[in-house]
PDB file of N, CA and C in Angstrom:
ATOM      1  N   MET A   1      22.462  89.439 -57.364  1.00  0.00           N
ATOM      2  CA  MET A   1      21.510  88.283 -56.570  1.00  0.00           C
ATOM      3  C   MET A   1      20.790  87.954 -56.861  1.00  0.00           C
ATOM      4  N   SER A   2      19.657  87.569 -58.323  1.00  0.00           N
ATOM      5  CA  SER A   2      18.831  87.076 -58.606  1.00  0.00           C
ATOM      6  C   SER A   2      19.163  85.934 -59.201  1.00  0.00           C
ATOM      7  N   VAL A   3      20.894  85.343 -59.183  1.00  0.00           N
ATOM      8  CA  VAL A   3      21.062  84.188 -60.187  1.00  0.00           C
ATOM      9  C   VAL A   3      20.813  83.240 -58.185  1.00  0.00           C
ATOM     10  N   ARG A   4      20.597  82.660 -57.704  1.00  0.00           N
ATOM     11  CA  ARG A   4      20.667  82.202 -56.777  1.00  0.00           C
ATOM     12  C   ARG A   4      21.286  80.554 -56.274  1.00  0.00           C
ATOM     13  N   ALA A   5      21.614  80.450 -57.730  1.00  0.00           N
ATOM     14  CA  ALA A   5      22.806  78.649 -57.495  1.00  0.00           C
ATOM     15  C   ALA A   5      23.862  79.060 -58.461  1.00  0.00           C
ATOM     16  N   TRP A   6      24.967  77.883 -59.299  1.00  0.00           N
ATOM     17  CA  TRP A   6      25.177  77.722 -60.216  1.00  0.00           C
ATOM     18  C   TRP A   6      26.023  76.336 -59.900  1.00  0.00           C
ATOM     19  N   LEU A   7      26.893  75.926 -61.412  1.00  0.00           N
ATOM     20  CA  LEU A   7      27.531  75.456 -61.659  1.00  0.00           C
ATOM     21  C   LEU A   7      29.348  76.384 -61.966  1.00  0.00           C
ATOM     22  N   CYS A   8      30.522  75.985 -60.791  1.00  0.00           N
ATOM     23  CA  CYS A   8      31.911  76.704 -61.114  1.00  0.00           C
ATOM     24  C   CYS A   8      32.022  75.821 -62.168  1.00  0.00           C
ATOM     25  N   ALA A   9      32.579  76.346 -63.414  1.00  0.00           N
ATOM     26  CA  ALA A   9      32.952  75.802 -64.752  1.00  0.00           C
ATOM     27  C   ALA A   9      34.291  75.355 -64.826  1.00  0.00           C
ATOM     28  N   GLU A  10      34.211  76.036 -63.594  1.00  0.00           N
ATOM     29  CA  GLU A  10      36.076  75.283 -62.980  1.00  0.00           C
ATOM     30  C   GLU A  10      36.616  74.170 -62.602  1.00  0.00           C
ATOM     31  N   CYS A  11      35.830  74.315 -61.419  1.00  0.00           N
ATOM     32  CA  CYS A  11      36.439  72.859 -60.760  1.00  0.00           C
ATOM     33  C   CYS A  11      34.656  71.718 -60.853  1.00  0.00           C
ATOM     34  N   GLY A  12      33.621  72.380 -61.361  1.00  0.00           N
ATOM     35  CA  GLY A  12      32.436  71.999 -61.358  1.00  0.00           C
ATOM     36  C   GLY A  12      31.166  71.376 -60.089  1.00  0.00           C
ATOM     37  N   ALA A  13      31.520  72.003 -59.981  1.00  0.00           N
ATOM     38  CA  ALA A  13      30.793  72.060 -57.692  1.00  0.00           C
ATOM     39  C   ALA A  13      29.608  73.156 -58.227  1.00  0.00           C
ATOM     40  N   TRP A  14      28.575  72.505 -57.680  1.00  0.00           N
ATOM     41  CA  TRP A  14      27.272  73.340 -57.429  1.00  0.00           C
ATOM     42  C   TRP A  14      27.018  73.971 -56.264  1.00  0.00           C
ATOM     43  N   HIS A  15      27.028  75.707 -56.608  1.00  0.00           N
ATOM     44  CA  HIS A  15      27.229  76.618 -55.226  1.00  0.00           C
ATOM     45  C   HIS A  15      25.547  76.731 -55.485  1.00  0.00           C
ATOM     46  N   ASP A  16      24.741  76.973 -53.843  1.00  0.00           N
ATOM     47  CA  ASP A  16      24.458  77.668 -54.206  1.00  0.00           C
ATOM     48  C   ASP A  16      23.986  79.189 -52.975  1.00  0.00           C
ATOM     49  N   ARG A  17      23.273  79.704 -53.167  1.00  0.00           N
ATOM     50  CA  ARG A  17      23.960  81.340 -52.597  1.00  0.00           C
ATOM     51  C   ARG A  17      23.197  80.610 -50.951  1.00  0.00           C
ATOM     52  N   ASP A  18      21.539  80.041 -50.828  1.00  0.00           N
ATOM     53  CA  ASP A  18      20.843  80.403 -49.561  1.00  0.00           C
ATOM     54  C   ASP A  18      21.645  79.158 -48.547  1.00  0.00           C
ATOM     55  N   VAL A  19      21.890  77.831 -49.418  1.00  0.00           N
ATOM     56  CA  VAL A  19      22.327  76.847 -48.991  1.00  0.00           C
ATOM     57  C   VAL A  19      23.361  78.061 -48.549  1.00  0.00           C
ATOM     58  N   ASN A  20      24.908  78.143 -48.940  1.00  0.00           N
ATOM     59  CA  ASN A  20      26.063  79.131 -48.267  1.00  0.00           C
ATOM     60  C   ASN A  20      25.848  79.352 -46.634  1.00  0.00           C
ATOM     61  N   ALA A  21      24.927  80.963 -47.305  1.00  0.00           N
ATOM     62  CA  ALA A  21      24.444  81.494 -46.521  1.00  0.00           C
ATOM     63  C   ALA A  21      23.898  81.291 -44.986  1.00  0.00           C
ATOM     64  N   ALA A  22      23.109  79.604 -45.250  1.00  0.00           N
ATOM     65  CA  ALA A  22      22.699  79.097 -43.778  1.00  0.00           C
ATOM     66  C   ALA A  22      23.189  78.266 -43.848  1.00  0.00           C
ATOM     67  N   ARG A  23      24.973  77.860 -44.170  1.00  0.00           N
ATOM     68  CA  ARG A  23      25.864  77.090 -43.291  1.00  0.00           C
ATOM     69  C   ARG A  23      26.514  78.423 -42.866  1.00  0.00           C
ATOM     70  N   ASN A  24      26.431  79.758 -43.497  1.00  0.00           N
ATOM     71  CA  ASN A  24      27.310  81.230 -42.537  1.00  0.00           C
ATOM     72  C   ASN A  24      27.082  81.166 -41.415  1.00  0.00           C
ATOM     73  N   LEU A  25      25.703  81.496 -41.177  1.00  0.00           N
ATOM     74  CA  LEU A  25      24.880  82.249 -40.702  1.00  0.00           C
ATOM     75  C   LEU A  25      24.676  80.730 -39.036  1.00  0.00           C
ATOM     76  N   ARG A  26      24.527  79.747 -39.097  1.00  0.00           N
ATOM     77  CA  ARG A  26      24.959  78.621 -38.048  1.00  0.00           C
ATOM     78  C   ARG A  26      26.303  78.214 -37.908  1.00  0.00           C
ATOM     79  N   GLU A  27      27.416  78.995 -38.847  1.00  0.00           N
ATOM     80  CA  GLU A  27      28.756  79.123 -37.823  1.00  0.00           C
ATOM     81  C   GLU A  27      29.157  80.230 -36.835  1.00  0.00           C
ATOM     82  N   GLU A  28      28.677  81.122 -37.042  1.00  0.00           N
ATOM     83  CA  GLU A  28      28.557  82.356 -36.798  1.00  0.00           C
ATOM     84  C   GLU A  28      27.429  82.362 -35.196  1.00  0.00           C
ATOM     85  N   GLY A  29      26.673  80.915 -35.090  1.00  0.00           N
ATOM     86  CA  GLY A  29      26.125  81.447 -33.923  1.00  0.00           C
ATOM     87  C   GLY A  29      26.816  80.908 -33.233  1.00  0.00           C
ATOM     88  N   MET A  30      27.481  79.581 -33.498  1.00  0.00           N
ATOM     89  CA  MET A  30      27.755  78.479 -33.103  1.00  0.00           C
ATOM     90  C   MET A  30      29.838  79.659 -31.946  1.00  0.00           C
ATOM     91  N   ARG A  31      30.096  79.777 -33.533  1.00  0.00           N
ATOM     92  CA  ARG A  31      31.304  80.851 -32.696  1.00  0.00           C
ATOM     93  C   ARG A  31      30.974  81.675 -31.594  1.00  0.00           C
ATOM     94  N   LEU A  32      29.179  82.669 -31.338  1.00  0.00           N
ATOM     95  CA  LEU A  32      29.080  83.528 -30.669  1.00  0.00           C
ATOM     96  C   LEU A  32      28.378  82.988 -29.187  1.00  0.00           C
ATOM     97  N   TYR A  33      28.059  81.099 -29.193  1.00  0.00           N
ATOM     98  CA  TYR A  33      27.665  80.511 -28.551  1.00  0.00           C
ATOM     99  C   TYR A  33      29.031  80.155 -28.140  1.00  0.00           C
ATOM    100  N   ARG A  34      30.121  79.535 -28.783  1.00  0.00           N
ATOM    101  CA  ARG A  34      31.137  79.142 -27.769  1.00  0.00           C
ATOM    102  C   ARG A  34      31.795  80.127 -26.502  1.00  0.00           C
ATOM    103  N   LEU A  35      31.738  82.416 -27.487  1.00  0.00           N
ATOM    104  CA  LEU A  35      32.279  82.608 -26.878  1.00  0.00           C
ATOM    105  C   LEU A  35      31.722  83.421 -24.764  1.00  0.00           C
ATOM    106  N   VAL A  36      30.535  83.091 -25.571  1.00  0.00           N
ATOM    107  CA  VAL A  36      29.571  83.139 -24.103  1.00  0.00           C
ATOM    108  C   VAL A  36      30.240  81.990 -23.269  1.00  0.00           C
ATOM    109  N   SER A  37      29.286  80.502 -24.415  1.00  0.00           N
ATOM    110  CA  SER A  37      29.574  79.814 -23.170  1.00  0.00           C
ATOM    111  C   SER A  37      31.366  79.873 -22.107  1.00  0.00           C
ATOM    112  N   CYS A  38      32.582  79.732 -22.986  1.00  0.00           N
ATOM    113  CA  CYS A  38      34.120  80.051 -22.262  1.00  0.00           C
ATOM    114  C   CYS A  38      33.763  81.548 -21.756  1.00  0.00           C
ATOM    115  N   ALA A  39      33.057  82.456 -21.928  1.00  0.00           N
ATOM    116  CA  ALA A  39      33.277  83.566 -20.715  1.00  0.00           C
ATOM    117  C   ALA A  39      31.939  82.869 -19.412  1.00  0.00           C
ATOM    118  N   LEU A  40      31.569  82.123 -19.180  1.00  0.00           N
ATOM    119  CA  LEU A  40      31.111  81.510 -17.781  1.00  0.00           C
ATOM    120  C   LEU A  40      31.356  81.694 -17.312  1.00  0.00           C
ATOM    121  N   GLN A  41      31.242  82.022 -15.412  1.00  0.00           N
ATOM    122  CA  GLN A  41      31.851  82.012 -14.832  1.00  0.00           C
ATOM    123  C   GLN A  41      31.678  80.198 -14.590  1.00  0.00           C
ATOM    124  N   SER A  42      33.056  79.978 -13.484  1.00  0.00           N
ATOM    125  CA  SER A  42      32.970  78.346 -13.132  1.00  0.00           C
ATOM    126  C   SER A  42      31.648  77.785 -12.842  1.00  0.00           C
ATOM    127  N   GLY A  43      31.264  76.560 -13.053  1.00  0.00           N
ATOM    128  CA  GLY A  43      30.472  75.252 -13.073  1.00  0.00           C
ATOM    129  C   GLY A  43      29.293  75.538 -13.859  1.00  0.00           C
ATOM    130  N   ARG A  44      29.212  77.032 -14.058  1.00  0.00           N
ATOM    131  CA  ARG A  44      27.580  77.311 -14.633  1.00  0.00           C
ATOM    132  C   ARG A  44      27.409  76.749 -16.049  1.00  0.00           C
ATOM    133  N   VAL A  45      26.513  76.325 -16.049  1.00  0.00           N
ATOM    134  CA  VAL A  45      25.976  76.145 -17.512  1.00  0.00           C
ATOM    135  C   VAL A  45      25.665  76.610 -18.487  1.00  0.00           C
ATOM    136  N   PRO A  46      25.785  76.310 -20.305  1.00  0.00           N
ATOM    137  CA  PRO A  46      25.491  77.727 -20.338  1.00  0.00           C
ATOM    138  C   PRO A  46      24.095  76.979 -21.227  1.00  0.00           C
ATOM    139  N   PRO A  47      23.520  78.372 -21.358  1.00  0.00           N
ATOM    140  CA  PRO A  47      21.308  77.602 -21.731  1.00  0.00           C
ATOM    141  C   PRO A  47      21.642  77.000 -22.747  1.00  0.00           C
ATOM    142  N   PRO A  48      20.745  76.606 -23.044  1.00  0.00           N
ATOM    143  CA  PRO A  48      20.649  76.766 -24.636  1.00  0.00           C
ATOM    144  C   PRO A  48      19.968  76.758 -26.019  1.00  0.00           C
ATOM    145  N   VAL A  49      19.774  78.893 -25.443  1.00  0.00           N
ATOM    146  CA  VAL A  49      19.372  79.570 -26.069  1.00  0.00           C
ATOM    147  C   VAL A  49      19.717  80.738 -25.236  1.00  0.00           C
ATOM    148  N   ILE A  50      20.731  80.766 -26.096  1.00  0.00           N
ATOM    149  CA  ILE A  50      21.314  82.798 -25.354  1.00  0.00           C
ATOM    150  C   ILE A  50      20.114  84.426 -27.024  1.00  0.00           C
ATOM    151  N   LYS A  51      20.187  84.724 -25.922  1.00  0.00           N
ATOM    152  CA  LYS A  51      19.680  85.483 -26.905  1.00  0.00           C
ATOM    153  C   LYS A  51      20.887  86.800 -26.703  1.00  0.00           C
ATOM    154  N   ALA A  52      20.930  87.763 -27.910  1.00  0.00           N
ATOM    155  CA  ALA A  52      21.784  88.726 -28.278  1.00  0.00           C
ATOM    156  C   ALA A  52      21.753  89.984 -27.085  1.00  0.00           C
ATOM    157  N   SER A  53      20.071  89.908 -27.092  1.00  0.00           N
ATOM    158  CA  SER A  53      19.397  90.891 -26.278  1.00  0.00           C
ATOM    159  C   SER A  53      19.752  90.930 -23.885  1.00  0.00           C
ATOM    160  N   GLU A  54      20.316  89.422 -24.541  1.00  0.00           N
ATOM    161  CA  GLU A  54      20.722  89.471 -22.778  1.00  0.00           C
ATOM    162  C   GLU A  54      21.750  89.454 -22.761  1.00  0.00           C
ATOM    163  N   LEU A  55      23.155  89.364 -23.455  1.00  0.00           N
ATOM    164  CA  LEU A  55      23.984  89.605 -23.495  1.00  0.00           C
ATOM    165  C   LEU A  55      25.086  90.721 -22.837  1.00  0.00           C
ATOM    166  N   PRO A  56      25.309  90.936 -21.965  1.00  0.00           N
ATOM    167  CA  PRO A  56      26.137  91.620 -21.071  1.00  0.00           C
ATOM    168  C   PRO A  56      26.773  92.055 -21.621  1.00  0.00           C
ATOM    169  N   ALA A  57      26.761  93.656 -21.451  1.00  0.00           N
ATOM    170  CA  ALA A  57      28.004  94.448 -22.505  1.00  0.00           C
ATOM    171  C   ALA A  57      29.692  93.964 -22.709  1.00  0.00           C
ATOM    172  N   VAL A  58      29.806  93.424 -21.479  1.00  0.00           N
ATOM    173  CA  VAL A  58      31.165  93.444 -21.152  1.00  0.00           C
ATOM    174  C   VAL A  58      31.636  92.575 -22.801  1.00  0.00           C
ATOM    175  N   LEU A  59      31.249  91.733 -22.951  1.00  0.00           N
ATOM    176  CA  LEU A  59      31.738  90.704 -24.215  1.00  0.00           C
ATOM    177  C   LEU A  59      32.241  91.636 -25.381  1.00  0.00           C
ATOM    178  N   PRO A  60      33.092  91.821 -26.100  1.00  0.00           N
ATOM    179  CA  PRO A  60      33.084  92.407 -27.523  1.00  0.00           C
ATOM    180  C   PRO A  60      32.780  92.298 -28.029  1.00  0.00           C
ATOM    181  N   ALA A  61      32.620  93.713 -29.372  1.00  0.00           N
ATOM    182  CA  ALA A  61      32.025  93.479 -30.309  1.00  0.00           C
ATOM    183  C   ALA A  61      32.490  92.736 -31.489  1.00  0.00           C
ATOM    184  N   VAL A  62      31.593  91.780 -31.975  1.00  0.00           N
ATOM    185  CA  VAL A  62      32.539  91.680 -33.334  1.00  0.00           C
ATOM    186  C   VAL A  62      31.854  91.782 -34.795  1.00  0.00           C
TER     187      VAL A  62
END
């Protein structure tokens, strides 16, 4: 975990652990937002922010 970034010897790509983590967190958040948005009743507008503590218990566990 002490290595935060490195250069791939095979492809020459620069990898940054923090940037990768941020991308993964954003994608997971967007996936969950789409899941909740699709579960809304017809005509309801998705809220700008969805708090995990306010999600109904009927959503599938991830």
